C-alpha cells in the first residue's frame, strides 16, 4: 500500500461517513481491489476507525443542534437510551440500513462520545470486511465501483438541486 493511496483514502473515509451523502463502500472497494488481501483488511480496519472519528463529528454537531432545537421538535425524533441505543446503533452500522436514523436519535439524546465511537467502529468493521471479501466473487471489474460512487454522487447532487429549486418557488406555485 502506498502513502498516496492512504492519503486519499482516509479523508474520503471520514467524509463519506459524515458530510457526503455517498456510501463509503465503493471507496473501500476501489482502494481494496488494488491491494493484497492483508492490506485490504487493513483498509477495512482503517475505514471503521475513520467511521468512529466521523461519529465524534456527528455527536458534536448534534449537541449544537440539540441546544438550538425546540423541545416540541425533539419529541418527534426516536428516543433510544441506555443499552438499547448502543445495540441499535451497532445494528444500523453493521447492516445496510439508513444511518441517518441513528443521527436523529443522537440529536434527541446525545450519547457519551467514546462508547458511541466504539460502537460505530465495531459495527462498521465486519460490514467492511464482508464487503471486501465478497466483492471479488461478483466478477465485476474494480473500476465498476467508481461508476457506483459516481452514480451516488450524481443522485445526491440532483436531490440537492431539486430541494433548492423547490425552496425558491414562489408561494403561489408550490403544490400542497
N, C-alpha and C. Protein backbone atom coordinates (compact mmCIF):
# COMPACT_ATOMS: atom_id res chain seq x y z
N UNK A 1 0.87 -1.17 0.00
CA UNK A 1 0.00 0.00 0.00
C UNK A 1 0.91 1.23 0.00
N UNK A 2 0.64 2.14 -0.91
CA UNK A 2 1.49 3.32 -0.95
C UNK A 2 0.84 4.46 -0.16
N UNK A 3 1.66 5.43 0.18
CA UNK A 3 1.21 6.55 1.01
C UNK A 3 0.19 7.44 0.31
N UNK A 4 0.33 7.55 -1.00
CA UNK A 4 -0.60 8.39 -1.75
C UNK A 4 -2.02 7.84 -1.68
N UNK A 5 -2.15 6.51 -1.82
CA UNK A 5 -3.46 5.87 -1.67
C UNK A 5 -4.03 6.11 -0.28
N UNK A 6 -3.18 5.97 0.72
CA UNK A 6 -3.63 6.16 2.09
C UNK A 6 -4.04 7.61 2.35
N UNK A 7 -3.29 8.55 1.77
CA UNK A 7 -3.61 9.97 1.95
C UNK A 7 -4.94 10.34 1.27
N UNK A 8 -5.31 9.64 0.23
CA UNK A 8 -6.61 9.87 -0.42
C UNK A 8 -7.71 9.10 0.28
N UNK A 9 -7.38 7.91 0.79
CA UNK A 9 -8.38 7.03 1.40
C UNK A 9 -8.95 7.59 2.70
N UNK A 10 -8.07 8.03 3.59
CA UNK A 10 -8.52 8.47 4.92
C UNK A 10 -9.49 9.65 4.87
N UNK A 11 -9.20 10.73 4.15
CA UNK A 11 -10.19 11.82 4.09
C UNK A 11 -11.51 11.38 3.46
N UNK A 12 -11.44 10.54 2.42
CA UNK A 12 -12.67 10.05 1.82
C UNK A 12 -13.47 9.20 2.80
N UNK A 13 -12.76 8.40 3.60
CA UNK A 13 -13.44 7.56 4.59
C UNK A 13 -14.18 8.41 5.62
N UNK A 14 -13.56 9.48 6.07
CA UNK A 14 -14.21 10.36 7.05
C UNK A 14 -15.36 11.12 6.40
N UNK A 15 -15.13 11.68 5.22
CA UNK A 15 -16.17 12.46 4.54
C UNK A 15 -17.39 11.62 4.18
N UNK A 16 -17.17 10.41 3.70
CA UNK A 16 -18.31 9.56 3.32
C UNK A 16 -19.11 9.11 4.54
N UNK A 17 -18.50 9.12 5.70
CA UNK A 17 -19.21 8.73 6.92
C UNK A 17 -19.80 9.93 7.66
N UNK A 18 -19.61 11.13 7.14
CA UNK A 18 -20.20 12.31 7.79
C UNK A 18 -20.92 13.19 6.79
N UNK A 19 -20.19 14.03 6.11
CA UNK A 19 -20.76 15.13 5.33
C UNK A 19 -21.39 14.67 4.01
N UNK A 20 -20.69 13.84 3.29
CA UNK A 20 -21.17 13.45 1.97
C UNK A 20 -22.29 12.41 2.06
N UNK A 21 -23.37 12.63 1.36
CA UNK A 21 -24.45 11.62 1.37
C UNK A 21 -24.16 10.51 0.36
N UNK A 22 -22.93 10.00 0.39
CA UNK A 22 -22.48 8.96 -0.52
C UNK A 22 -21.97 7.80 0.31
N UNK A 23 -22.33 6.57 -0.04
CA UNK A 23 -21.86 5.43 0.74
C UNK A 23 -20.34 5.25 0.64
N UNK A 24 -19.76 4.75 1.69
CA UNK A 24 -18.32 4.55 1.75
C UNK A 24 -17.89 3.27 1.04
N UNK A 25 -18.80 2.32 0.89
CA UNK A 25 -18.44 1.01 0.34
C UNK A 25 -17.75 1.08 -1.03
N UNK A 26 -18.22 1.90 -2.00
CA UNK A 26 -17.48 1.96 -3.27
C UNK A 26 -16.05 2.50 -3.12
N UNK A 27 -15.85 3.42 -2.20
CA UNK A 27 -14.50 3.94 -1.95
C UNK A 27 -13.62 2.81 -1.42
N UNK A 28 -14.14 2.06 -0.46
CA UNK A 28 -13.39 0.95 0.12
C UNK A 28 -13.09 -0.09 -0.95
N UNK A 29 -14.07 -0.42 -1.77
CA UNK A 29 -13.87 -1.43 -2.81
C UNK A 29 -12.79 -0.98 -3.80
N UNK A 30 -12.86 0.28 -4.19
CA UNK A 30 -11.87 0.78 -5.15
C UNK A 30 -10.45 0.64 -4.60
N UNK A 31 -10.24 1.11 -3.38
CA UNK A 31 -8.88 1.06 -2.83
C UNK A 31 -8.47 -0.36 -2.46
N UNK A 32 -9.40 -1.16 -1.93
CA UNK A 32 -9.07 -2.53 -1.51
C UNK A 32 -8.80 -3.43 -2.70
N UNK A 33 -9.45 -3.17 -3.83
CA UNK A 33 -9.25 -4.03 -5.00
C UNK A 33 -7.84 -3.89 -5.59
N UNK A 34 -7.15 -2.87 -5.22
CA UNK A 34 -5.80 -2.64 -5.71
C UNK A 34 -4.73 -3.12 -4.73
N UNK A 35 -5.16 -3.80 -3.66
CA UNK A 35 -4.24 -4.22 -2.59
C UNK A 35 -4.23 -5.73 -2.44
N UNK A 36 -3.27 -6.21 -1.65
CA UNK A 36 -3.26 -7.62 -1.25
C UNK A 36 -4.38 -7.83 -0.24
N UNK A 37 -4.81 -9.07 0.01
CA UNK A 37 -5.88 -9.29 0.99
C UNK A 37 -5.55 -8.74 2.39
N UNK A 38 -4.30 -8.84 2.80
CA UNK A 38 -3.92 -8.30 4.11
C UNK A 38 -4.03 -6.79 4.15
N UNK A 39 -3.56 -6.14 3.10
CA UNK A 39 -3.66 -4.68 3.03
C UNK A 39 -5.11 -4.24 2.90
N UNK A 40 -5.92 -5.01 2.19
CA UNK A 40 -7.34 -4.69 2.06
C UNK A 40 -8.03 -4.77 3.42
N UNK A 41 -7.65 -5.78 4.21
CA UNK A 41 -8.19 -5.89 5.57
C UNK A 41 -7.77 -4.71 6.44
N UNK A 42 -6.53 -4.26 6.24
CA UNK A 42 -6.05 -3.08 6.98
C UNK A 42 -6.84 -1.84 6.58
N UNK A 43 -7.20 -1.74 5.28
CA UNK A 43 -8.02 -0.61 4.84
C UNK A 43 -9.43 -0.68 5.45
N UNK A 44 -9.98 -1.89 5.55
CA UNK A 44 -11.29 -2.04 6.18
C UNK A 44 -11.22 -1.61 7.64
N UNK A 45 -10.14 -1.99 8.32
CA UNK A 45 -9.96 -1.59 9.72
C UNK A 45 -9.81 -0.07 9.82
N UNK A 46 -9.00 0.50 8.93
CA UNK A 46 -8.82 1.96 8.94
C UNK A 46 -10.14 2.67 8.63
N UNK A 47 -10.91 2.11 7.71
CA UNK A 47 -12.22 2.69 7.39
C UNK A 47 -13.16 2.68 8.58
N UNK A 48 -13.14 1.60 9.36
CA UNK A 48 -14.01 1.55 10.54
C UNK A 48 -13.54 2.53 11.61
N UNK A 49 -12.24 2.72 11.74
CA UNK A 49 -11.71 3.72 12.68
C UNK A 49 -12.13 5.12 12.23
N UNK A 50 -12.04 5.37 10.93
CA UNK A 50 -12.48 6.67 10.40
C UNK A 50 -13.98 6.87 10.64
N UNK A 51 -14.76 5.82 10.55
CA UNK A 51 -16.19 5.91 10.85
C UNK A 51 -16.40 6.28 12.31
N UNK A 52 -15.53 5.76 13.19
CA UNK A 52 -15.60 6.13 14.61
C UNK A 52 -15.29 7.61 14.82
N UNK A 53 -14.28 8.11 14.12
CA UNK A 53 -13.98 9.54 14.20
C UNK A 53 -15.10 10.38 13.63
N UNK A 54 -15.70 9.90 12.56
CA UNK A 54 -16.85 10.60 11.97
C UNK A 54 -18.02 10.63 12.95
N UNK A 55 -18.16 9.59 13.75
CA UNK A 55 -19.22 9.55 14.76
C UNK A 55 -19.02 10.66 15.79
N UNK A 56 -17.77 10.98 16.08
CA UNK A 56 -17.50 12.09 17.01
C UNK A 56 -18.00 13.40 16.43
N UNK A 57 -17.81 13.56 15.12
CA UNK A 57 -18.32 14.78 14.47
C UNK A 57 -19.85 14.81 14.52
N UNK A 58 -20.48 13.64 14.36
CA UNK A 58 -21.94 13.56 14.47
C UNK A 58 -22.41 14.04 15.84
N UNK A 59 -21.78 13.53 16.88
CA UNK A 59 -22.20 13.88 18.24
C UNK A 59 -21.98 15.36 18.50
N UNK A 60 -20.84 15.88 18.08
CA UNK A 60 -20.55 17.30 18.28
C UNK A 60 -21.58 18.17 17.57
N UNK A 61 -21.87 17.84 16.32
CA UNK A 61 -22.84 18.60 15.56
C UNK A 61 -24.24 18.49 16.19
N UNK A 62 -24.61 17.28 16.59
CA UNK A 62 -25.94 17.08 17.16
C UNK A 62 -26.10 17.76 18.52
N UNK A 63 -25.03 17.84 19.28
CA UNK A 63 -25.12 18.57 20.55
C UNK A 63 -25.40 20.05 20.30
N UNK A 64 -24.75 20.61 19.29
CA UNK A 64 -25.00 22.01 18.94
C UNK A 64 -26.45 22.19 18.46
N UNK A 65 -26.90 21.30 17.60
CA UNK A 65 -28.28 21.39 17.10
C UNK A 65 -29.30 21.18 18.22
N UNK A 66 -28.97 20.28 19.14
CA UNK A 66 -29.87 19.98 20.26
C UNK A 66 -30.15 21.25 21.08
N UNK A 67 -29.11 22.05 21.29
CA UNK A 67 -29.26 23.28 22.08
C UNK A 67 -30.17 24.29 21.38
N UNK A 68 -30.23 24.24 20.06
CA UNK A 68 -30.99 25.24 19.30
C UNK A 68 -32.30 24.72 18.72
N UNK A 69 -32.68 23.52 19.11
CA UNK A 69 -33.91 22.92 18.58
C UNK A 69 -34.98 22.95 19.67
N UNK A 70 -36.16 23.34 19.29
CA UNK A 70 -37.26 23.39 20.24
C UNK A 70 -37.64 21.99 20.71
N UNK A 71 -38.08 21.92 21.94
CA UNK A 71 -38.43 20.63 22.54
C UNK A 71 -39.55 19.92 21.78
N UNK A 72 -40.49 20.68 21.25
CA UNK A 72 -41.60 20.04 20.53
C UNK A 72 -41.09 19.28 19.30
N UNK A 73 -40.01 19.77 18.66
CA UNK A 73 -39.44 19.07 17.51
C UNK A 73 -38.61 17.88 17.96
N UNK A 74 -37.93 18.02 19.07
CA UNK A 74 -37.10 16.91 19.56
C UNK A 74 -37.96 15.71 19.95
N UNK A 75 -39.17 15.97 20.43
CA UNK A 75 -40.06 14.86 20.81
C UNK A 75 -40.47 14.00 19.63
N UNK A 76 -40.38 14.52 18.42
CA UNK A 76 -40.74 13.75 17.24
C UNK A 76 -39.65 12.75 16.84
N UNK A 77 -38.46 12.93 17.36
CA UNK A 77 -37.33 12.09 16.99
C UNK A 77 -37.32 10.81 17.82
N UNK A 78 -36.67 9.74 17.32
CA UNK A 78 -36.62 8.49 18.07
C UNK A 78 -35.87 8.66 19.39
N UNK A 79 -36.40 8.06 20.44
CA UNK A 79 -35.76 8.13 21.76
C UNK A 79 -35.18 6.76 22.09
N UNK A 80 -33.89 6.66 21.94
CA UNK A 80 -33.17 5.44 22.30
C UNK A 80 -32.25 5.81 23.45
N UNK A 81 -32.34 5.07 24.54
CA UNK A 81 -31.48 5.33 25.70
C UNK A 81 -30.80 4.05 26.16
N UNK A 82 -29.71 4.23 26.88
CA UNK A 82 -29.02 3.11 27.51
C UNK A 82 -28.50 2.08 26.52
N UNK A 83 -28.59 0.81 26.93
CA UNK A 83 -28.10 -0.28 26.09
C UNK A 83 -28.83 -0.34 24.75
N UNK A 84 -30.10 -0.04 24.79
CA UNK A 84 -30.91 -0.08 23.56
C UNK A 84 -30.29 0.83 22.49
N UNK A 85 -29.84 2.00 22.89
CA UNK A 85 -29.22 2.92 21.94
C UNK A 85 -28.00 2.29 21.28
N UNK A 86 -27.13 1.70 22.07
CA UNK A 86 -25.89 1.16 21.54
C UNK A 86 -26.13 -0.10 20.71
N UNK A 87 -27.09 -0.92 21.09
CA UNK A 87 -27.42 -2.11 20.29
C UNK A 87 -27.98 -1.69 18.94
N UNK A 88 -28.90 -0.73 18.93
CA UNK A 88 -29.48 -0.28 17.68
C UNK A 88 -28.45 0.46 16.81
N UNK A 89 -27.57 1.21 17.44
CA UNK A 89 -26.50 1.88 16.69
C UNK A 89 -25.59 0.85 16.04
N UNK A 90 -25.23 -0.20 16.78
CA UNK A 90 -24.39 -1.26 16.23
C UNK A 90 -25.08 -1.92 15.04
N UNK A 91 -26.36 -2.22 15.16
CA UNK A 91 -27.08 -2.87 14.07
C UNK A 91 -27.19 -1.97 12.84
N UNK A 92 -27.45 -0.68 13.05
CA UNK A 92 -27.54 0.24 11.92
C UNK A 92 -26.17 0.44 11.26
N UNK A 93 -25.09 0.35 12.04
CA UNK A 93 -23.74 0.47 11.47
C UNK A 93 -23.36 -0.80 10.71
N UNK A 94 -23.81 -1.93 11.21
CA UNK A 94 -23.46 -3.23 10.62
C UNK A 94 -24.26 -3.50 9.34
N UNK A 95 -25.53 -3.24 9.38
CA UNK A 95 -26.42 -3.58 8.27
C UNK A 95 -26.58 -2.39 7.33
N UNK A 96 -26.96 -2.63 6.10
CA UNK A 96 -27.17 -1.51 5.17
C UNK A 96 -28.50 -0.80 5.42
N UNK A 97 -28.63 -0.27 6.61
CA UNK A 97 -29.82 0.50 7.00
C UNK A 97 -29.46 1.98 6.98
N UNK A 98 -30.44 2.85 6.84
CA UNK A 98 -30.13 4.29 6.79
C UNK A 98 -29.60 4.79 8.14
N UNK A 99 -28.32 5.14 8.17
CA UNK A 99 -27.69 5.56 9.42
C UNK A 99 -28.19 6.91 9.90
N UNK A 100 -28.90 7.63 9.04
CA UNK A 100 -29.46 8.92 9.45
C UNK A 100 -30.47 8.75 10.58
N UNK A 101 -31.08 7.57 10.71
CA UNK A 101 -32.00 7.31 11.82
C UNK A 101 -31.24 7.40 13.14
N UNK A 102 -30.02 6.86 13.16
CA UNK A 102 -29.19 6.94 14.36
C UNK A 102 -28.84 8.39 14.65
N UNK A 103 -28.52 9.14 13.61
CA UNK A 103 -28.18 10.55 13.81
C UNK A 103 -29.36 11.32 14.39
N UNK A 104 -30.57 10.97 13.98
CA UNK A 104 -31.75 11.61 14.57
C UNK A 104 -31.89 11.25 16.04
N UNK A 105 -31.61 9.99 16.38
CA UNK A 105 -31.65 9.59 17.79
C UNK A 105 -30.57 10.31 18.59
N UNK A 106 -29.40 10.52 17.97
CA UNK A 106 -28.32 11.26 18.63
C UNK A 106 -28.75 12.69 18.88
N UNK A 107 -29.47 13.26 17.93
CA UNK A 107 -29.96 14.64 18.10
C UNK A 107 -30.91 14.74 19.29
N UNK A 108 -31.76 13.74 19.47
CA UNK A 108 -32.71 13.78 20.58
C UNK A 108 -32.02 13.58 21.92
N UNK A 109 -31.12 12.63 21.98
CA UNK A 109 -30.44 12.32 23.24
C UNK A 109 -28.96 12.04 22.94
N UNK A 110 -28.10 13.08 22.93
CA UNK A 110 -26.69 12.88 22.60
C UNK A 110 -26.01 11.90 23.57
N UNK A 111 -25.37 10.85 23.03
CA UNK A 111 -24.73 9.84 23.89
C UNK A 111 -23.35 10.28 24.34
N UNK A 112 -22.72 9.44 25.17
CA UNK A 112 -21.33 9.67 25.54
C UNK A 112 -20.48 9.41 24.31
N UNK A 113 -19.51 10.25 24.10
CA UNK A 113 -18.73 10.26 22.86
C UNK A 113 -17.99 8.95 22.59
N UNK A 114 -17.14 8.51 23.51
CA UNK A 114 -16.26 7.37 23.25
C UNK A 114 -17.05 6.06 23.07
N UNK A 115 -18.02 5.74 23.92
CA UNK A 115 -18.77 4.50 23.65
C UNK A 115 -19.50 4.53 22.31
N UNK A 116 -20.00 5.69 21.92
CA UNK A 116 -20.67 5.81 20.63
C UNK A 116 -19.69 5.57 19.49
N UNK A 117 -18.51 6.16 19.57
CA UNK A 117 -17.50 5.97 18.54
C UNK A 117 -17.10 4.50 18.42
N UNK A 118 -16.90 3.84 19.54
CA UNK A 118 -16.51 2.43 19.54
C UNK A 118 -17.62 1.58 18.94
N UNK A 119 -18.86 1.88 19.28
CA UNK A 119 -19.99 1.12 18.75
C UNK A 119 -20.08 1.25 17.24
N UNK A 120 -19.92 2.46 16.72
CA UNK A 120 -19.97 2.67 15.28
C UNK A 120 -18.82 1.93 14.60
N UNK A 121 -17.61 2.06 15.13
CA UNK A 121 -16.45 1.40 14.52
C UNK A 121 -16.60 -0.12 14.55
N UNK A 122 -17.09 -0.66 15.66
CA UNK A 122 -17.27 -2.12 15.76
C UNK A 122 -18.39 -2.61 14.84
N UNK A 123 -19.38 -1.79 14.59
CA UNK A 123 -20.44 -2.18 13.67
C UNK A 123 -19.99 -2.12 12.23
N UNK A 124 -19.15 -1.16 11.90
CA UNK A 124 -18.69 -1.00 10.52
C UNK A 124 -17.64 -2.04 10.12
N UNK A 125 -16.77 -2.44 11.05
CA UNK A 125 -15.67 -3.34 10.69
C UNK A 125 -16.15 -4.64 10.05
N UNK A 126 -17.07 -5.41 10.65
CA UNK A 126 -17.48 -6.65 9.98
C UNK A 126 -18.15 -6.39 8.63
N UNK A 127 -18.87 -5.31 8.53
CA UNK A 127 -19.50 -4.96 7.25
C UNK A 127 -18.45 -4.69 6.18
N UNK A 128 -17.44 -3.92 6.54
CA UNK A 128 -16.40 -3.59 5.57
C UNK A 128 -15.58 -4.83 5.20
N UNK A 129 -15.28 -5.68 6.18
CA UNK A 129 -14.54 -6.92 5.88
C UNK A 129 -15.35 -7.82 4.96
N UNK A 130 -16.63 -7.93 5.21
CA UNK A 130 -17.50 -8.73 4.36
C UNK A 130 -17.58 -8.14 2.95
N UNK A 131 -17.64 -6.83 2.87
CA UNK A 131 -17.70 -6.17 1.56
C UNK A 131 -16.47 -6.47 0.73
N UNK A 132 -15.28 -6.34 1.33
CA UNK A 132 -14.06 -6.57 0.53
C UNK A 132 -13.83 -8.04 0.24
N UNK A 133 -14.41 -8.93 1.05
CA UNK A 133 -14.23 -10.35 0.76
C UNK A 133 -15.24 -10.85 -0.27
N UNK A 134 -16.42 -10.26 -0.34
CA UNK A 134 -17.43 -10.71 -1.30
C UNK A 134 -17.32 -10.03 -2.66
N UNK A 135 -16.81 -8.81 -2.72
CA UNK A 135 -16.76 -8.06 -3.97
C UNK A 135 -16.03 -8.81 -5.09
N UNK A 136 -14.85 -9.40 -4.84
CA UNK A 136 -14.15 -10.10 -5.93
C UNK A 136 -14.96 -11.28 -6.49
N UNK A 137 -15.81 -11.88 -5.67
CA UNK A 137 -16.60 -13.03 -6.12
C UNK A 137 -17.72 -12.62 -7.08
N UNK A 138 -18.04 -11.35 -7.15
CA UNK A 138 -19.07 -10.90 -8.07
C UNK A 138 -18.57 -10.85 -9.51
N UNK A 139 -17.26 -10.82 -9.69
CA UNK A 139 -16.69 -10.83 -11.01
C UNK A 139 -16.78 -9.49 -11.74
N UNK A 140 -17.06 -8.44 -11.01
CA UNK A 140 -17.12 -7.12 -11.63
C UNK A 140 -15.73 -6.50 -11.65
N UNK A 141 -15.45 -5.69 -12.65
CA UNK A 141 -14.13 -5.04 -12.68
C UNK A 141 -14.00 -4.03 -11.54
N UNK A 142 -12.79 -3.83 -11.01
CA UNK A 142 -12.61 -2.89 -9.90
C UNK A 142 -13.09 -1.48 -10.21
N UNK A 143 -13.03 -1.09 -11.48
CA UNK A 143 -13.45 0.27 -11.83
C UNK A 143 -14.97 0.46 -11.75
N UNK A 144 -15.72 -0.64 -11.68
CA UNK A 144 -17.19 -0.50 -11.60
C UNK A 144 -17.63 0.18 -10.31
N UNK A 145 -16.82 0.09 -9.27
CA UNK A 145 -17.18 0.77 -8.02
C UNK A 145 -17.08 2.28 -8.18
N UNK A 146 -16.21 2.73 -9.08
CA UNK A 146 -16.13 4.17 -9.36
C UNK A 146 -17.44 4.63 -10.01
N UNK A 147 -17.98 3.80 -10.87
CA UNK A 147 -19.27 4.12 -11.50
C UNK A 147 -20.35 4.20 -10.42
N UNK A 148 -20.36 3.25 -9.48
CA UNK A 148 -21.33 3.28 -8.38
C UNK A 148 -21.18 4.55 -7.55
N UNK A 149 -19.94 4.91 -7.25
CA UNK A 149 -19.69 6.12 -6.48
C UNK A 149 -20.15 7.36 -7.25
N UNK A 150 -19.86 7.38 -8.54
CA UNK A 150 -20.30 8.50 -9.38
C UNK A 150 -21.81 8.60 -9.44
N UNK A 151 -22.49 7.47 -9.56
CA UNK A 151 -23.95 7.47 -9.58
C UNK A 151 -24.52 7.97 -8.25
N UNK A 152 -23.91 7.53 -7.14
CA UNK A 152 -24.35 8.01 -5.83
C UNK A 152 -24.15 9.50 -5.66
N UNK A 153 -23.01 9.99 -6.11
CA UNK A 153 -22.73 11.43 -6.01
C UNK A 153 -23.68 12.21 -6.91
N UNK A 154 -23.93 11.71 -8.12
CA UNK A 154 -24.85 12.39 -9.04
C UNK A 154 -26.26 12.44 -8.44
N UNK A 155 -26.68 11.35 -7.85
CA UNK A 155 -28.01 11.31 -7.22
C UNK A 155 -28.09 12.34 -6.09
N UNK A 156 -27.04 12.43 -5.28
CA UNK A 156 -27.02 13.39 -4.17
C UNK A 156 -27.08 14.83 -4.68
N UNK A 157 -26.34 15.11 -5.74
CA UNK A 157 -26.34 16.46 -6.31
C UNK A 157 -27.71 16.79 -6.89
N UNK A 158 -28.31 15.86 -7.61
CA UNK A 158 -29.63 16.09 -8.21
C UNK A 158 -30.67 16.33 -7.12
N UNK A 159 -30.65 15.55 -6.07
CA UNK A 159 -31.60 15.74 -4.97
C UNK A 159 -31.40 17.09 -4.30
N UNK A 160 -30.16 17.49 -4.14
CA UNK A 160 -29.86 18.79 -3.53
C UNK A 160 -30.39 19.93 -4.40
N UNK A 161 -30.16 19.82 -5.71
CA UNK A 161 -30.65 20.85 -6.63
C UNK A 161 -32.17 20.89 -6.67
N UNK A 162 -32.81 19.73 -6.61
CA UNK A 162 -34.28 19.70 -6.58
C UNK A 162 -34.84 20.37 -5.34
N UNK A 163 -34.23 20.08 -4.19
CA UNK A 163 -34.75 20.68 -2.95
C UNK A 163 -34.53 22.19 -2.96
N UNK A 164 -33.42 22.65 -3.52
CA UNK A 164 -33.18 24.09 -3.61
C UNK A 164 -34.16 24.76 -4.55
N UNK A 165 -34.46 24.11 -5.68
CA UNK A 165 -35.39 24.72 -6.63
C UNK A 165 -36.80 24.77 -6.05
N UNK A 166 -37.17 23.77 -5.24
CA UNK A 166 -38.49 23.79 -4.58
C UNK A 166 -38.57 24.93 -3.57
N UNK A 167 -37.48 25.21 -2.89
CA UNK A 167 -37.47 26.27 -1.89
C UNK A 167 -37.53 27.64 -2.54
N UNK A 168 -37.05 27.76 -3.77
CA UNK A 168 -37.01 29.05 -4.44
C UNK A 168 -38.30 29.38 -5.17
N UNK A 169 -39.24 28.41 -5.29
CA UNK A 169 -40.50 28.69 -5.98
C UNK A 169 -41.33 29.68 -5.18
N UNK A 170 -42.04 30.57 -5.86
CA UNK A 170 -42.94 31.48 -5.15
C UNK A 170 -44.05 30.69 -4.46
N UNK A 171 -44.61 31.26 -3.41
CA UNK A 171 -45.59 30.56 -2.58
C UNK A 171 -46.81 30.11 -3.37
N UNK A 172 -47.26 30.87 -4.35
CA UNK A 172 -48.48 30.50 -5.07
C UNK A 172 -48.26 29.35 -6.06
N UNK A 173 -47.01 29.05 -6.43
CA UNK A 173 -46.77 27.96 -7.37
C UNK A 173 -46.44 26.64 -6.68
N UNK A 174 -46.21 26.67 -5.36
CA UNK A 174 -45.90 25.43 -4.64
C UNK A 174 -47.15 24.57 -4.53
N UNK A 175 -46.96 23.27 -4.68
CA UNK A 175 -48.05 22.34 -4.52
C UNK A 175 -48.18 21.94 -3.06
N UNK A 176 -49.37 21.77 -2.59
CA UNK A 176 -49.57 21.39 -1.19
C UNK A 176 -49.62 19.90 -1.04
